[in-house]
Amino acid sequence: MKLKSNVIIQPLAGETMLVVAATTPDDFHGIVKFNDTAADIASAMREDVTEDQILTLLQEKYEGPEEAMRADIRKVADRLRRIGVLEG
């Protein structure tokens, strides 16, 4: 999983925002607000990573059940996929 190059993750006013610049008129363009966990997941996707690699990053930073973390990863990935900002 990897974010497309037209995506910027930026802190703004104490929040983490994903900013998408449309490359064609039909592309999603706008801002998506993330909580800290979702921001960490999306930030990891700046590189081409697997769910297991993201899980390892989350486990180093947060405590919690593995399945809950995997569910969070999938939820964020699905959201990013729906708006068309993941490669592939």
N, C-alpha and C. Protein backbone atom coordinates (compact mmCIF):
# COMPACT_ATOMS: atom_id res chain seq x y z
N MET A 1 0.85 -1.17 0.00
CA MET A 1 0.00 0.00 0.00
C MET A 1 0.90 1.23 0.00
N LYS A 2 0.59 2.13 -0.89
CA LYS A 2 1.38 3.36 -0.96
C LYS A 2 0.49 4.50 -1.43
N LEU A 3 0.67 5.66 -0.80
CA LEU A 3 -0.07 6.85 -1.21
C LEU A 3 0.44 7.35 -2.55
N LYS A 4 -0.45 7.92 -3.32
CA LYS A 4 -0.05 8.53 -4.58
C LYS A 4 0.77 9.79 -4.30
N SER A 5 1.49 10.24 -5.29
CA SER A 5 2.40 11.38 -5.11
C SER A 5 1.67 12.71 -4.94
N ASN A 6 0.38 12.78 -5.25
CA ASN A 6 -0.36 14.03 -5.12
C ASN A 6 -0.97 14.21 -3.73
N VAL A 7 -0.49 13.41 -2.77
CA VAL A 7 -1.03 13.44 -1.41
C VAL A 7 0.03 14.01 -0.46
N ILE A 8 -0.41 14.94 0.38
CA ILE A 8 0.47 15.55 1.38
C ILE A 8 -0.17 15.33 2.75
N ILE A 9 0.62 14.91 3.72
CA ILE A 9 0.14 14.79 5.10
C ILE A 9 0.77 15.94 5.87
N GLN A 10 -0.10 16.76 6.47
CA GLN A 10 0.37 18.01 7.07
C GLN A 10 -0.32 18.28 8.39
N PRO A 11 0.45 18.59 9.44
CA PRO A 11 -0.21 19.06 10.66
C PRO A 11 -0.75 20.47 10.44
N LEU A 12 -1.93 20.71 10.99
CA LEU A 12 -2.56 22.02 10.83
C LEU A 12 -3.43 22.28 12.05
N ALA A 13 -3.11 23.30 12.78
CA ALA A 13 -3.89 23.71 13.95
C ALA A 13 -4.11 22.56 14.93
N GLY A 14 -3.05 21.81 15.20
CA GLY A 14 -3.15 20.73 16.17
C GLY A 14 -3.78 19.45 15.64
N GLU A 15 -4.14 19.41 14.39
CA GLU A 15 -4.75 18.23 13.76
C GLU A 15 -3.83 17.75 12.65
N THR A 16 -4.00 16.52 12.22
CA THR A 16 -3.26 16.02 11.07
C THR A 16 -4.21 15.91 9.90
N MET A 17 -3.83 16.54 8.81
CA MET A 17 -4.67 16.58 7.61
C MET A 17 -3.97 15.88 6.45
N LEU A 18 -4.76 15.19 5.67
CA LEU A 18 -4.29 14.63 4.41
C LEU A 18 -4.84 15.54 3.33
N VAL A 19 -3.96 16.14 2.57
CA VAL A 19 -4.37 17.09 1.52
C VAL A 19 -4.13 16.44 0.18
N VAL A 20 -5.17 16.43 -0.65
CA VAL A 20 -5.10 15.79 -1.96
C VAL A 20 -5.27 16.84 -3.05
N ALA A 21 -4.29 16.91 -3.93
CA ALA A 21 -4.38 17.80 -5.09
C ALA A 21 -4.84 16.97 -6.27
N ALA A 22 -5.94 17.33 -6.87
CA ALA A 22 -6.47 16.57 -8.00
C ALA A 22 -5.54 16.71 -9.20
N THR A 23 -5.34 15.59 -9.89
CA THR A 23 -4.52 15.62 -11.10
C THR A 23 -5.38 15.62 -12.35
N THR A 24 -6.65 15.23 -12.21
CA THR A 24 -7.63 15.32 -13.30
C THR A 24 -8.92 15.86 -12.71
N PRO A 25 -9.82 16.38 -13.53
CA PRO A 25 -11.08 16.93 -13.00
C PRO A 25 -11.93 15.93 -12.24
N ASP A 26 -11.79 14.63 -12.53
CA ASP A 26 -12.61 13.61 -11.87
C ASP A 26 -12.00 13.09 -10.57
N ASP A 27 -10.75 13.46 -10.27
CA ASP A 27 -10.09 13.01 -9.06
C ASP A 27 -10.68 13.67 -7.82
N PHE A 28 -10.60 12.94 -6.71
CA PHE A 28 -10.93 13.55 -5.42
C PHE A 28 -9.91 14.66 -5.15
N HIS A 29 -10.38 15.77 -4.67
CA HIS A 29 -9.48 16.82 -4.21
C HIS A 29 -10.09 17.41 -2.96
N GLY A 30 -9.26 17.60 -1.98
CA GLY A 30 -9.77 18.13 -0.73
C GLY A 30 -8.87 17.76 0.43
N ILE A 31 -9.46 17.83 1.62
CA ILE A 31 -8.72 17.60 2.85
C ILE A 31 -9.46 16.54 3.66
N VAL A 32 -8.69 15.61 4.23
CA VAL A 32 -9.24 14.58 5.10
C VAL A 32 -8.57 14.74 6.46
N LYS A 33 -9.38 14.83 7.52
CA LYS A 33 -8.86 15.00 8.87
C LYS A 33 -8.69 13.62 9.51
N PHE A 34 -7.54 13.40 10.16
CA PHE A 34 -7.25 12.12 10.80
C PHE A 34 -7.04 12.27 12.29
N ASN A 35 -7.37 11.21 13.04
CA ASN A 35 -6.93 11.14 14.42
C ASN A 35 -5.47 10.67 14.41
N ASP A 36 -4.85 10.59 15.57
CA ASP A 36 -3.42 10.28 15.63
C ASP A 36 -3.10 8.91 15.04
N THR A 37 -3.91 7.91 15.34
CA THR A 37 -3.64 6.56 14.82
C THR A 37 -3.76 6.53 13.31
N ALA A 38 -4.82 7.10 12.78
CA ALA A 38 -5.02 7.13 11.33
C ALA A 38 -3.89 7.91 10.64
N ALA A 39 -3.44 8.97 11.28
CA ALA A 39 -2.34 9.76 10.72
C ALA A 39 -1.06 8.93 10.68
N ASP A 40 -0.81 8.13 11.72
CA ASP A 40 0.36 7.26 11.72
C ASP A 40 0.27 6.21 10.61
N ILE A 41 -0.92 5.66 10.42
CA ILE A 41 -1.12 4.67 9.37
C ILE A 41 -0.89 5.29 8.00
N ALA A 42 -1.52 6.42 7.75
CA ALA A 42 -1.37 7.09 6.46
C ALA A 42 0.08 7.54 6.23
N SER A 43 0.73 8.02 7.27
CA SER A 43 2.12 8.44 7.14
C SER A 43 3.02 7.28 6.74
N ALA A 44 2.74 6.10 7.30
CA ALA A 44 3.52 4.91 6.93
C ALA A 44 3.36 4.60 5.45
N MET A 45 2.21 4.94 4.90
CA MET A 45 1.92 4.63 3.50
C MET A 45 2.59 5.60 2.52
N ARG A 46 3.40 6.50 3.02
CA ARG A 46 4.20 7.33 2.11
C ARG A 46 5.17 6.44 1.35
N GLU A 47 5.54 5.33 1.97
CA GLU A 47 6.38 4.30 1.36
C GLU A 47 5.47 3.11 1.02
N ASP A 48 5.95 2.22 0.17
CA ASP A 48 5.19 1.01 -0.15
C ASP A 48 5.33 0.04 1.02
N VAL A 49 4.26 -0.16 1.78
CA VAL A 49 4.29 -0.99 2.98
C VAL A 49 3.17 -2.02 2.96
N THR A 50 3.37 -3.06 3.75
CA THR A 50 2.34 -4.08 3.92
C THR A 50 1.57 -3.80 5.21
N GLU A 51 0.45 -4.48 5.36
CA GLU A 51 -0.32 -4.37 6.60
C GLU A 51 0.54 -4.78 7.79
N ASP A 52 1.33 -5.84 7.64
CA ASP A 52 2.17 -6.30 8.74
C ASP A 52 3.23 -5.27 9.13
N GLN A 53 3.79 -4.57 8.16
CA GLN A 53 4.78 -3.53 8.47
C GLN A 53 4.13 -2.37 9.23
N ILE A 54 2.94 -1.98 8.81
CA ILE A 54 2.22 -0.91 9.53
C ILE A 54 1.87 -1.38 10.93
N LEU A 55 1.44 -2.63 11.06
CA LEU A 55 1.11 -3.19 12.37
C LEU A 55 2.31 -3.09 13.31
N THR A 56 3.47 -3.44 12.83
CA THR A 56 4.69 -3.36 13.65
C THR A 56 4.93 -1.93 14.13
N LEU A 57 4.76 -0.96 13.22
CA LEU A 57 4.92 0.45 13.61
C LEU A 57 3.93 0.85 14.70
N LEU A 58 2.67 0.43 14.55
CA LEU A 58 1.65 0.77 15.55
C LEU A 58 1.96 0.12 16.89
N GLN A 59 2.41 -1.14 16.86
CA GLN A 59 2.70 -1.86 18.11
C GLN A 59 3.87 -1.23 18.85
N GLU A 60 4.77 -0.59 18.13
CA GLU A 60 5.88 0.10 18.78
C GLU A 60 5.43 1.37 19.48
N LYS A 61 4.32 1.94 19.02
CA LYS A 61 3.86 3.22 19.56
C LYS A 61 2.66 3.10 20.50
N TYR A 62 1.78 2.12 20.24
CA TYR A 62 0.52 2.00 20.98
C TYR A 62 0.41 0.62 21.62
N GLU A 63 -0.40 0.56 22.66
CA GLU A 63 -0.76 -0.71 23.27
C GLU A 63 -2.18 -1.04 22.85
N GLY A 64 -2.43 -2.33 22.64
CA GLY A 64 -3.77 -2.75 22.28
C GLY A 64 -3.74 -4.08 21.55
N PRO A 65 -4.92 -4.65 21.35
CA PRO A 65 -5.00 -5.95 20.69
C PRO A 65 -4.61 -5.84 19.21
N GLU A 66 -3.90 -6.86 18.74
CA GLU A 66 -3.47 -6.89 17.34
C GLU A 66 -4.64 -6.77 16.38
N GLU A 67 -5.73 -7.48 16.66
CA GLU A 67 -6.87 -7.44 15.73
C GLU A 67 -7.50 -6.05 15.64
N ALA A 68 -7.51 -5.31 16.75
CA ALA A 68 -8.03 -3.95 16.71
C ALA A 68 -7.14 -3.06 15.85
N MET A 69 -5.83 -3.25 15.97
CA MET A 69 -4.89 -2.47 15.15
C MET A 69 -5.04 -2.82 13.68
N ARG A 70 -5.17 -4.11 13.38
CA ARG A 70 -5.37 -4.53 11.99
C ARG A 70 -6.67 -3.94 11.43
N ALA A 71 -7.70 -3.92 12.26
CA ALA A 71 -8.98 -3.34 11.82
C ALA A 71 -8.82 -1.86 11.50
N ASP A 72 -8.04 -1.14 12.33
CA ASP A 72 -7.79 0.27 12.07
C ASP A 72 -7.02 0.46 10.76
N ILE A 73 -6.02 -0.38 10.53
CA ILE A 73 -5.24 -0.29 9.29
C ILE A 73 -6.14 -0.50 8.09
N ARG A 74 -6.98 -1.52 8.15
CA ARG A 74 -7.88 -1.82 7.03
C ARG A 74 -8.89 -0.70 6.81
N LYS A 75 -9.39 -0.13 7.90
CA LYS A 75 -10.36 0.95 7.79
C LYS A 75 -9.74 2.18 7.10
N VAL A 76 -8.55 2.54 7.51
CA VAL A 76 -7.86 3.68 6.89
C VAL A 76 -7.55 3.37 5.43
N ALA A 77 -7.03 2.17 5.16
CA ALA A 77 -6.70 1.79 3.78
C ALA A 77 -7.95 1.80 2.90
N ASP A 78 -9.06 1.29 3.42
CA ASP A 78 -10.31 1.30 2.65
C ASP A 78 -10.76 2.72 2.35
N ARG A 79 -10.66 3.59 3.34
CA ARG A 79 -11.06 4.99 3.13
C ARG A 79 -10.19 5.65 2.06
N LEU A 80 -8.88 5.43 2.15
CA LEU A 80 -7.97 6.02 1.17
C LEU A 80 -8.18 5.41 -0.22
N ARG A 81 -8.49 4.13 -0.26
CA ARG A 81 -8.77 3.46 -1.54
C ARG A 81 -10.04 4.04 -2.17
N ARG A 82 -11.08 4.27 -1.34
CA ARG A 82 -12.35 4.80 -1.83
C ARG A 82 -12.19 6.18 -2.46
N ILE A 83 -11.31 7.00 -1.88
CA ILE A 83 -11.12 8.33 -2.45
C ILE A 83 -10.03 8.35 -3.53
N GLY A 84 -9.44 7.17 -3.78
CA GLY A 84 -8.53 7.03 -4.90
C GLY A 84 -7.14 7.58 -4.70
N VAL A 85 -6.63 7.54 -3.47
CA VAL A 85 -5.30 8.10 -3.23
C VAL A 85 -4.23 7.04 -2.94
N LEU A 86 -4.60 5.76 -3.08
CA LEU A 86 -3.60 4.70 -2.95
C LEU A 86 -3.20 4.24 -4.34
N GLU A 87 -1.91 3.98 -4.51
CA GLU A 87 -1.44 3.46 -5.79
C GLU A 87 -1.95 2.03 -5.97
N GLY A 88 -2.10 1.64 -7.24
CA GLY A 88 -2.47 0.26 -7.55
C GLY A 88 -3.86 -0.05 -7.40
